Protein backbone atom coordinates (compact mmCIF):
# COMPACT_ATOMS: atom_id res chain seq x y z
CA MET A 1 98.48 138.47 118.01
CA ASP A 2 102.00 140.55 118.07
CA LYS A 3 103.48 138.40 120.47
CA ARG A 4 102.34 135.49 118.34
CA LYS A 5 103.93 137.01 115.37
CA LEU A 6 107.08 138.01 117.10
CA SER A 7 107.36 134.48 118.69
CA LEU A 8 106.91 132.81 115.28
CA LEU A 9 110.01 135.17 113.94
CA VAL A 10 112.21 133.69 116.59
CA SER A 11 111.12 130.34 116.51
CA ALA A 12 114.26 128.21 117.32
CA ILE A 13 114.94 125.03 115.29
CA MET A 14 114.55 122.03 117.28
CA THR A 15 118.33 120.95 117.92
CA LEU A 16 117.99 118.13 120.55
CA ILE A 17 115.93 114.80 120.96
CA ILE A 18 116.02 113.33 124.21
CA PHE A 19 114.58 109.62 124.68
CA THR A 20 113.01 109.26 127.82
CA GLY A 21 110.83 106.12 128.62
CA CYS A 22 108.24 105.66 126.07
CA THR A 23 108.72 109.19 124.94
CA MET A 24 111.18 111.92 123.39
CA GLU A 25 111.45 115.29 124.38
CA ALA A 26 112.33 118.25 122.08
CA LYS A 27 112.95 121.91 122.27
CA GLY A 28 110.63 123.61 119.88
CA GLN A 29 109.02 126.94 119.27
CA GLU A 30 108.97 129.83 122.00
CA PRO A 31 105.84 129.78 123.93
CA LEU A 32 103.58 132.80 124.53
CA PRO A 33 104.10 134.32 128.00
CA LYS A 34 102.27 133.22 130.90
CA GLY A 35 98.99 135.07 131.56
CA GLU A 36 98.20 135.87 127.94
CA ASP A 37 94.55 135.32 126.76
CA LEU A 38 94.61 133.16 123.94
CA ARG A 39 92.44 131.89 121.01
CA ILE A 40 92.43 128.70 119.25
CA VAL A 41 90.35 127.71 116.34
CA VAL A 42 89.38 124.12 115.56
CA ALA A 43 88.73 122.37 112.35
CA THR A 44 88.24 118.91 111.45
CA ASP A 45 87.20 116.45 108.90
CA ILE A 46 88.48 118.77 105.76
CA HIS A 47 88.53 115.96 103.50
CA TYR A 48 90.44 117.51 101.01
CA LEU A 49 90.87 116.37 97.31
CA SER A 50 93.43 118.07 95.37
CA PRO A 51 92.29 119.81 92.39
CA LYS A 52 95.20 117.79 90.36
CA LEU A 53 93.38 114.52 91.32
CA ARG A 54 89.74 115.55 89.90
CA ASP A 55 88.05 117.58 87.21
CA GLY A 56 84.58 117.84 88.08
CA GLY A 57 83.69 115.13 85.53
CA GLU A 58 80.93 112.62 85.66
CA ILE A 59 83.00 110.11 88.03
CA GLU A 60 83.45 113.09 90.56
CA LYS A 61 79.95 114.02 90.52
CA TYR A 62 78.87 110.30 90.82
CA VAL A 63 81.30 110.03 94.10
CA TYR A 64 79.77 113.28 95.45
CA GLU A 65 76.13 112.42 94.95
CA ASN A 66 76.53 108.79 96.30
CA GLY A 67 78.62 110.07 99.32
CA ASP A 68 77.83 111.45 102.59
CA GLY A 69 77.44 115.22 101.78
CA LYS A 70 81.24 116.06 101.41
CA GLU A 71 81.43 119.19 99.10
CA ILE A 72 84.27 117.55 97.50
CA GLY A 73 84.48 120.27 94.71
CA ASN A 74 83.76 123.17 96.66
CA MET A 75 86.53 122.55 99.31
CA ASP A 76 89.10 124.97 97.27
CA LEU A 77 86.39 127.50 97.65
CA ILE A 78 85.52 126.80 101.44
CA LEU A 79 89.39 126.92 102.54
CA ASP A 80 90.03 130.04 100.76
CA ALA A 81 87.05 131.51 102.60
CA PHE A 82 88.32 129.79 105.84
CA THR A 83 91.67 131.30 105.29
CA GLU A 84 90.39 134.72 104.57
CA ASP A 85 88.37 134.66 108.08
CA LEU A 86 91.76 133.75 109.72
CA ARG A 87 93.24 136.50 107.80
CA LYS A 88 91.07 139.03 109.06
CA ASP A 89 90.87 137.70 112.63
CA PRO A 90 93.74 135.73 113.18
CA PRO A 91 93.95 133.15 116.26
CA ASP A 92 97.06 132.03 118.19
CA VAL A 93 96.74 128.66 116.94
CA LEU A 94 94.60 126.48 114.38
CA VAL A 95 94.18 122.85 115.69
CA VAL A 96 92.92 120.21 113.21
CA THR A 97 91.74 116.93 114.18
CA GLY A 98 92.35 114.55 111.30
CA ASP A 99 90.61 113.55 108.47
CA LEU A 100 92.93 116.13 106.28
CA THR A 101 92.20 114.46 103.04
CA LEU A 102 89.43 112.61 101.30
CA ASN A 103 91.28 109.33 101.37
CA GLY A 104 95.19 109.93 102.10
CA GLU A 105 96.40 111.09 98.71
CA LYS A 106 99.61 112.05 98.98
CA LYS A 107 99.11 115.02 96.55
CA SER A 108 96.31 116.21 98.52
CA HIS A 109 98.42 116.27 101.57
CA GLU A 110 101.02 118.34 99.84
CA ASP A 111 98.64 120.85 98.37
CA LEU A 112 96.79 121.31 101.81
CA ALA A 113 99.74 121.79 103.41
CA LYS A 114 100.44 124.70 101.16
CA ILE A 115 96.99 126.35 102.34
CA PHE A 116 98.48 125.82 105.92
CA ARG A 117 101.51 127.67 105.21
CA LYS A 118 99.42 130.49 104.03
CA ILE A 119 97.58 130.36 107.01
CA GLU A 120 100.73 130.59 108.83
CA SER A 121 102.05 133.68 107.10
CA TYR A 122 99.26 135.43 108.96
CA GLY A 123 100.74 134.69 112.41
CA VAL A 124 98.61 131.48 113.15
CA GLN A 125 100.41 128.29 114.44
CA VAL A 126 98.82 125.29 112.81
CA ILE A 127 99.16 121.97 114.17
CA VAL A 128 97.41 118.79 113.00
CA THR A 129 96.89 115.22 114.20
CA PRO A 130 95.62 112.32 111.70
CA GLY A 131 92.62 110.73 111.27
CA ASN A 132 91.46 107.34 109.77
CA HIS A 133 91.24 108.61 105.98
CA ASP A 134 94.94 110.24 106.04
CA ILE A 135 97.57 107.36 106.47
CA SER A 136 98.22 104.26 104.59
CA ASN A 137 94.80 104.49 102.58
CA SER A 138 94.47 101.83 99.79
CA TYR A 139 91.31 103.87 98.86
CA ALA A 140 93.31 106.77 97.53
CA ARG A 141 92.09 107.71 93.98
CA GLY A 142 91.78 110.57 91.72
CA PHE A 143 88.72 111.24 89.53
CA LYS A 144 89.83 112.50 86.15
CA SER A 145 89.09 112.02 82.26
CA GLY A 146 86.28 110.01 82.88
CA LYS A 147 88.53 107.43 84.85
CA VAL A 148 88.90 106.18 88.45
CA GLU A 149 93.02 106.46 88.89
CA TYR A 150 94.83 104.96 91.64
CA ALA A 151 96.76 107.38 93.61
CA ASP A 152 99.99 107.66 95.97
CA THR A 153 99.04 107.58 99.66
CA VAL A 154 101.45 108.45 102.51
CA SER A 155 103.00 106.32 105.30
CA PRO A 156 103.00 107.81 108.77
CA GLU A 157 106.89 108.95 108.02
CA GLU A 158 105.91 110.79 105.01
CA PHE A 159 102.75 112.46 106.77
CA GLU A 160 105.04 113.52 109.60
CA SER A 161 107.55 114.92 106.67
CA ILE A 162 104.63 116.95 105.01
CA TYR A 163 103.37 118.33 108.05
CA SER A 164 106.64 118.86 109.81
CA ASP A 165 106.05 122.52 110.22
CA PHE A 166 102.65 122.09 111.72
CA GLY A 167 103.48 120.79 115.06
CA PHE A 168 105.73 118.10 114.70
CA LYS A 169 109.12 119.72 114.84
CA ASP A 170 107.90 122.29 117.33
CA ALA A 171 106.76 119.29 119.90
CA VAL A 172 108.18 119.59 123.60
CA ARG A 173 107.22 115.84 124.09
CA ARG A 174 106.60 112.91 121.64
CA ALA A 175 105.38 109.31 121.87
CA GLU A 176 107.32 106.47 120.67
CA GLY A 177 106.28 104.80 117.58
CA ASN A 178 103.16 106.96 116.29
CA LEU A 179 102.46 110.65 115.77
CA SER A 180 101.19 111.84 119.08
CA TYR A 181 103.03 114.86 120.17
CA LEU A 182 102.77 117.63 122.98
CA TYR A 183 102.84 121.44 121.59
CA LYS A 184 103.37 124.39 124.28
CA VAL A 185 101.15 127.14 123.31
CA SER A 186 101.91 129.42 126.08
CA GLU A 187 103.64 129.11 129.70
CA ASP A 188 99.95 128.25 130.69
CA LEU A 189 98.95 125.96 128.08
CA TYR A 190 99.67 122.63 126.19
CA ILE A 191 97.81 120.86 123.56
CA ALA A 192 98.10 117.01 123.55
CA MET A 193 97.99 115.95 119.66
CA VAL A 194 96.98 112.03 119.97
CA ASP A 195 97.12 109.99 117.19
CA SER A 196 94.19 107.76 117.64
CA ALA A 197 94.10 106.33 114.18
CA VAL A 198 94.64 102.59 113.37
CA TYR A 199 96.76 102.32 110.09
CA LYS A 200 99.35 99.76 110.46
CA ASN A 201 97.47 96.88 108.20
CA ASN A 202 95.71 99.21 105.98
CA ILE A 203 97.55 98.14 102.79
CA GLU A 204 97.83 94.35 103.72
CA ASN A 205 93.85 94.60 104.49
CA GLY A 206 92.93 96.38 101.50
CA TYR A 207 90.79 99.13 102.99
CA PRO A 208 91.54 101.80 106.07
CA ALA A 209 90.12 101.12 109.11
CA THR A 210 87.53 103.07 110.80
CA GLU A 211 87.92 102.54 114.36
CA GLY A 212 90.27 104.32 116.71
CA ILE A 213 92.35 103.22 119.93
CA VAL A 214 94.84 105.22 122.00
CA SER A 215 97.92 102.91 122.18
CA GLN A 216 99.97 102.13 125.18
CA SER A 217 102.78 104.41 124.29
CA SER A 218 100.60 107.36 123.61
CA LYS A 219 98.80 106.45 127.06
CA VAL A 220 102.41 106.79 128.66
CA PHE A 221 102.95 110.21 126.80
CA LEU A 222 99.73 111.63 128.32
CA GLU A 223 100.74 110.75 131.57
CA GLU A 224 104.06 112.32 131.38
CA SER A 225 102.42 115.44 129.51
CA GLY A 226 100.26 115.58 132.50
CA ALA A 227 103.01 115.34 134.86
CA LEU A 228 105.00 117.96 132.93
CA ALA A 229 102.02 120.49 132.79
CA ARG A 230 101.58 119.97 136.68
CA GLU A 231 105.27 120.94 137.12
CA ASN A 232 104.88 124.04 135.30
CA GLU A 233 101.51 124.75 136.54
CA ALA A 234 100.05 124.75 133.04
CA ASP A 235 96.58 123.57 131.69
CA VAL A 236 96.31 120.97 128.97
CA ILE A 237 93.62 120.67 126.35
CA VAL A 238 93.45 117.33 124.27
CA ALA A 239 92.62 116.80 120.78
CA MET A 240 92.29 113.60 118.71
CA HIS A 241 90.21 112.29 115.65
CA HIS A 242 88.29 109.77 117.35
CA ASN A 243 85.42 110.32 120.06
CA MET A 244 85.92 109.81 123.77
CA MET A 245 82.45 108.68 124.43
CA ASN A 246 79.07 107.86 122.53
CA HIS A 247 77.56 110.98 120.62
CA THR A 248 74.49 109.10 119.74
CA THR A 249 72.34 106.17 120.40
CA PHE A 250 72.47 104.75 117.10
CA MET A 251 76.03 105.51 115.60
CA ASN A 252 79.03 104.72 117.53
CA SER A 253 80.76 101.87 116.30
CA GLY A 254 83.87 102.85 114.81
CA PHE A 255 83.51 106.33 116.03
CA THR A 256 83.89 106.19 119.76
CA LEU A 257 87.68 104.85 120.91
CA GLU A 258 88.05 101.24 121.57
CA ASN A 259 89.24 101.98 124.84
CA ALA A 260 87.07 104.81 125.68
CA ASP A 261 86.32 103.82 129.11
CA GLU A 262 90.12 103.39 129.81
CA MET A 263 90.85 106.74 128.27
CA ARG A 264 88.28 108.57 130.45
CA LEU A 265 89.90 107.08 133.54
CA LEU A 266 92.88 108.28 132.34
CA PHE A 267 91.84 111.56 131.94
CA ARG A 268 90.49 111.94 135.45
CA THR A 269 93.87 110.83 137.13
CA GLN A 270 95.58 113.39 135.04
CA GLY A 271 93.22 116.03 135.58
CA PHE A 272 92.36 116.61 131.95
CA LYS A 273 88.74 117.96 131.39
CA VAL A 274 88.34 118.12 127.63
CA ASN A 275 89.12 116.60 124.46
CA LEU A 276 88.76 118.15 121.24
CA SER A 277 87.38 115.30 118.32
CA GLY A 278 85.85 115.12 114.88
CA HIS A 279 85.26 111.96 112.67
CA ILE A 280 81.41 111.42 113.59
CA HIS A 281 80.68 114.93 111.19
CA ILE A 282 78.02 116.21 113.44
CA GLN A 283 78.32 119.17 115.60
CA ASP A 284 78.18 117.75 119.29
CA ILE A 285 79.10 118.25 122.90
CA HIS A 286 78.61 115.66 125.49
CA PHE A 287 80.19 114.68 128.75
CA ILE A 288 80.66 111.75 131.18
CA GLU A 289 81.70 112.42 134.65
CA GLU A 290 84.24 115.15 134.58
CA VAL A 291 85.31 114.57 131.07
CA THR A 292 83.81 116.81 128.03
CA ASP A 293 84.38 115.75 124.64
CA ILE A 294 83.69 118.56 122.14
CA VAL A 295 82.97 117.17 118.42
CA THR A 296 83.34 119.91 116.06
CA GLY A 297 81.29 119.59 112.83
CA ALA A 298 82.98 118.34 109.82
CA MET A 299 84.15 121.64 107.43
CA SER A 300 83.53 119.77 104.57
CA VAL A 301 79.64 118.82 105.25
CA TYR A 302 76.86 121.39 105.89
CA PRO A 303 76.97 123.75 107.56
CA ASN A 304 80.67 124.11 107.12
CA LYS A 305 81.79 125.07 110.48
CA TYR A 306 84.62 125.37 112.78
CA GLY A 307 85.00 126.07 116.34
CA ILE A 308 86.50 128.90 118.49
CA ILE A 309 88.11 128.43 121.76
CA ASP A 310 89.02 131.44 123.95
CA TYR A 311 90.99 130.70 126.86
CA THR A 312 91.65 133.10 129.68
CA GLU A 313 93.35 131.92 133.04
CA GLY A 314 92.21 128.21 133.22
CA LYS A 315 88.92 128.70 132.03
CA ILE A 316 87.58 128.18 128.12
CA GLU A 317 84.82 129.37 126.02
CA TYR A 318 83.94 126.99 123.05
CA SER A 319 81.87 128.51 120.17
CA THR A 320 81.42 127.73 116.60
CA LYS A 321 81.26 129.81 113.80
CA TRP A 322 80.29 129.04 109.93
CA VAL A 323 83.20 129.71 107.22
CA ASP A 324 82.01 132.76 105.28
CA VAL A 325 81.81 131.30 101.98
CA GLU A 326 79.08 133.99 101.02
CA GLY A 327 81.28 137.14 102.16
CA TYR A 328 84.28 135.38 100.32
CA ALA A 329 82.23 135.07 96.95
CA ARG A 330 81.01 138.67 97.59
CA ASP A 331 84.36 139.95 97.77
CA LYS A 332 85.90 138.09 94.91
CA GLY A 333 82.78 138.50 92.82
CA ILE A 334 82.04 134.58 92.60
CA ARG A 335 78.36 135.11 91.51
CA GLU A 336 77.47 131.39 91.75
CA HIS A 337 78.25 130.96 95.27
CA LEU A 338 76.61 134.05 96.46
CA ASN A 339 73.65 132.04 98.06
CA PHE A 340 76.01 129.38 99.25
CA VAL A 341 74.58 128.45 102.69
CA THR A 342 71.27 127.98 101.01
CA ASP A 343 72.53 125.68 98.28
CA ALA A 344 74.74 123.70 100.42
CA ARG A 345 71.82 122.88 102.89
CA GLU A 346 69.86 121.78 100.12
CA ARG A 347 72.53 119.63 98.60
CA PHE A 348 73.28 118.23 101.92
CA LYS A 349 69.57 117.34 102.53
CA ALA A 350 69.57 115.65 99.16
CA PHE A 351 72.79 113.62 99.43
CA SER A 352 71.93 112.48 103.18
CA THR A 353 69.10 110.65 102.21
CA VAL A 354 70.35 109.00 99.24
CA ARG A 355 70.33 105.55 101.16
CA LEU A 356 67.23 105.90 102.78
CA LYS A 357 65.28 107.06 99.50
CA ALA A 358 66.38 103.70 98.04
CA ARG A 359 65.48 101.70 101.14
CA LEU A 360 61.73 103.20 101.68
CA GLN A 361 60.96 101.66 98.19
CA GLY A 362 58.85 98.83 98.62
CA LEU A 363 58.29 99.76 102.46
CA VAL A 364 56.01 102.49 102.04
CA ASP A 365 54.10 103.91 98.88
CA GLU A 366 55.81 106.56 96.80
CA ALA A 367 54.14 109.45 98.24
CA SER A 368 54.94 108.83 101.77
CA ALA A 369 58.76 107.71 100.75
CA SER A 370 59.20 111.46 99.00
CA LYS A 371 57.61 113.21 102.42
CA LEU A 372 59.94 110.71 104.58
CA THR A 373 62.78 111.69 102.62
CA GLU A 374 62.17 115.57 102.97
CA LEU A 375 61.53 114.88 106.45
CA LEU A 376 65.04 113.24 106.76
CA GLY A 377 66.81 115.79 104.95
CA GLU A 378 65.46 118.60 107.40
CA ILE A 379 66.39 116.58 110.43
CA ASN A 380 69.82 115.81 109.13
CA ALA A 381 70.35 119.93 108.27
CA TYR A 382 69.55 120.79 112.07
CA TYR A 383 71.18 117.71 113.77
CA PHE A 384 74.45 118.03 111.88
CA ALA A 385 74.55 121.79 112.75
CA GLY A 386 74.05 120.62 116.16
CA GLU A 387 70.81 122.34 116.65
CA LYS A 388 67.42 121.24 118.21
CA VAL A 389 65.10 120.17 115.50
CA PRO A 390 61.91 122.30 115.73
CA ASP A 391 58.79 120.64 116.60
CA SER A 392 57.08 121.84 113.66
CA VAL A 393 59.35 119.77 111.37
CA PHE A 394 57.87 116.57 112.49
CA ASP A 395 54.61 114.78 111.20
CA ASP A 396 53.51 111.92 113.82
CA SER A 397 51.25 110.58 111.06
CA LEU A 398 53.72 110.23 108.57
CA ILE A 399 56.18 108.72 111.24
CA GLU A 400 53.78 106.16 112.03
CA ILE A 401 53.51 104.75 108.58
CA LEU A 402 57.07 103.09 109.33
CA PRO A 403 57.25 100.00 111.32
CA GLU A 404 57.72 100.31 114.94
CA ASP A 405 61.25 98.37 114.85
CA ASP A 406 62.45 100.53 111.88
CA ARG A 407 65.60 102.43 112.25
CA THR A 408 64.60 105.26 110.32
CA ARG A 409 61.65 105.94 112.92
CA PHE A 410 64.17 105.06 115.57
CA TYR A 411 66.41 108.04 114.29
CA ILE A 412 63.24 110.38 113.57
CA GLU A 413 62.10 109.64 117.42
CA ASP A 414 65.30 110.05 118.42
CA ARG A 415 65.86 113.43 117.20
CA LYS A 416 62.38 114.51 118.22
CA SER A 417 63.27 113.94 121.81
CA GLY A 418 66.06 116.58 121.32
CA ASP A 419 69.15 117.06 122.85
CA LEU A 420 69.85 117.77 126.59
CA TYR A 421 72.58 119.85 126.04
CA GLU A 422 73.82 123.08 123.92
CA ASN A 423 76.29 121.84 121.15
CA ASN A 424 77.51 125.29 119.98
CA SER A 425 78.82 126.84 122.99
CA LEU A 426 80.54 125.70 126.38
CA MET A 427 82.12 127.56 129.29
CA LEU A 428 84.50 125.11 131.05
CA ASP A 429 87.03 125.57 134.00
CA LEU A 430 89.97 123.61 133.21
CA ARG A 431 91.18 123.88 136.98
CA ASN A 432 88.24 122.85 138.69
């Protein structure tokens, strides 16, 4: 960590930009020496809404209770606790893979950048890439004084300007026409931050696109990044918001890249082994052939996790950690959050089944609907944490009440079969 702090102090201002083909090269921050053991923290889907745009009133509460479990009103608390986690044990790099804001509000971006600056004061380099919520989002709103108010969003240029200190100005290579860039962590390791979001027509369409694609210029950028890494005998970790492959059997449209097959081929030809992503909010690790896609769970959603990558001589060890909100609450004397984990789990169970409860009305009797809703909440809590659902949770007699072709029954039976892989840890050799 001392070398990282020293490199932060001697960081050079970018002095030259050279256009080469479809990419730009730039001289950036001094990388760590060859042979360094590195620690990288991965966070995603923060979905931050600035306190200046909300007041905890009825409208905000309605949005929260009818959403997908994002802890909108508690994100400042969670981020404060996360920042404290990093202060106590600072990694070399914090990688944030998109959906930084709730709906692309400019004020949310600006205030989140202040939090990132505080994290950097602990000797941590923060690098970010956008998600589908972050740029040209016509849904940008504030919830104050009993009103829903329009909020300013940001253009791609404004996004880069706000987060200039968090990867962009220190990039050693840039893609033309979008926000993809290459960051050199050390003489051994590069991180390719890929802009997979589709935001060009968001304002015209009146809604933000959910789907993702890696553009032609970003593909060329990745090919040139791979060549640069090979030339310097270095490894590459790729990070983007969207998923490189399907992580579920029931919810992939808009989450998996539109050109996922093509991208996995590019990975194989370039020797890239791993992609870090988010977007789908679940904690899940999956692989196809030589390509591994690590989806870190959304920080804004129970169980409020982040990923940790320890890198040593071309090998990575990935693990996850819950933000220590309860420890932070104890230290600060915030009594109402001393049982944050239990409370957040119950909130998530309730809010993740709002739509189900309404759909079950008329399909099954009230008592069965209540039991099924409780069952789905339990399943969701384990599933989003990347954990196998215990067999004791399931009640076959209850499941059989649902029609055989019912999508809720399909989801329950899919979770009952369990995951084939461990989703919270992984060891991987980037060179073999």
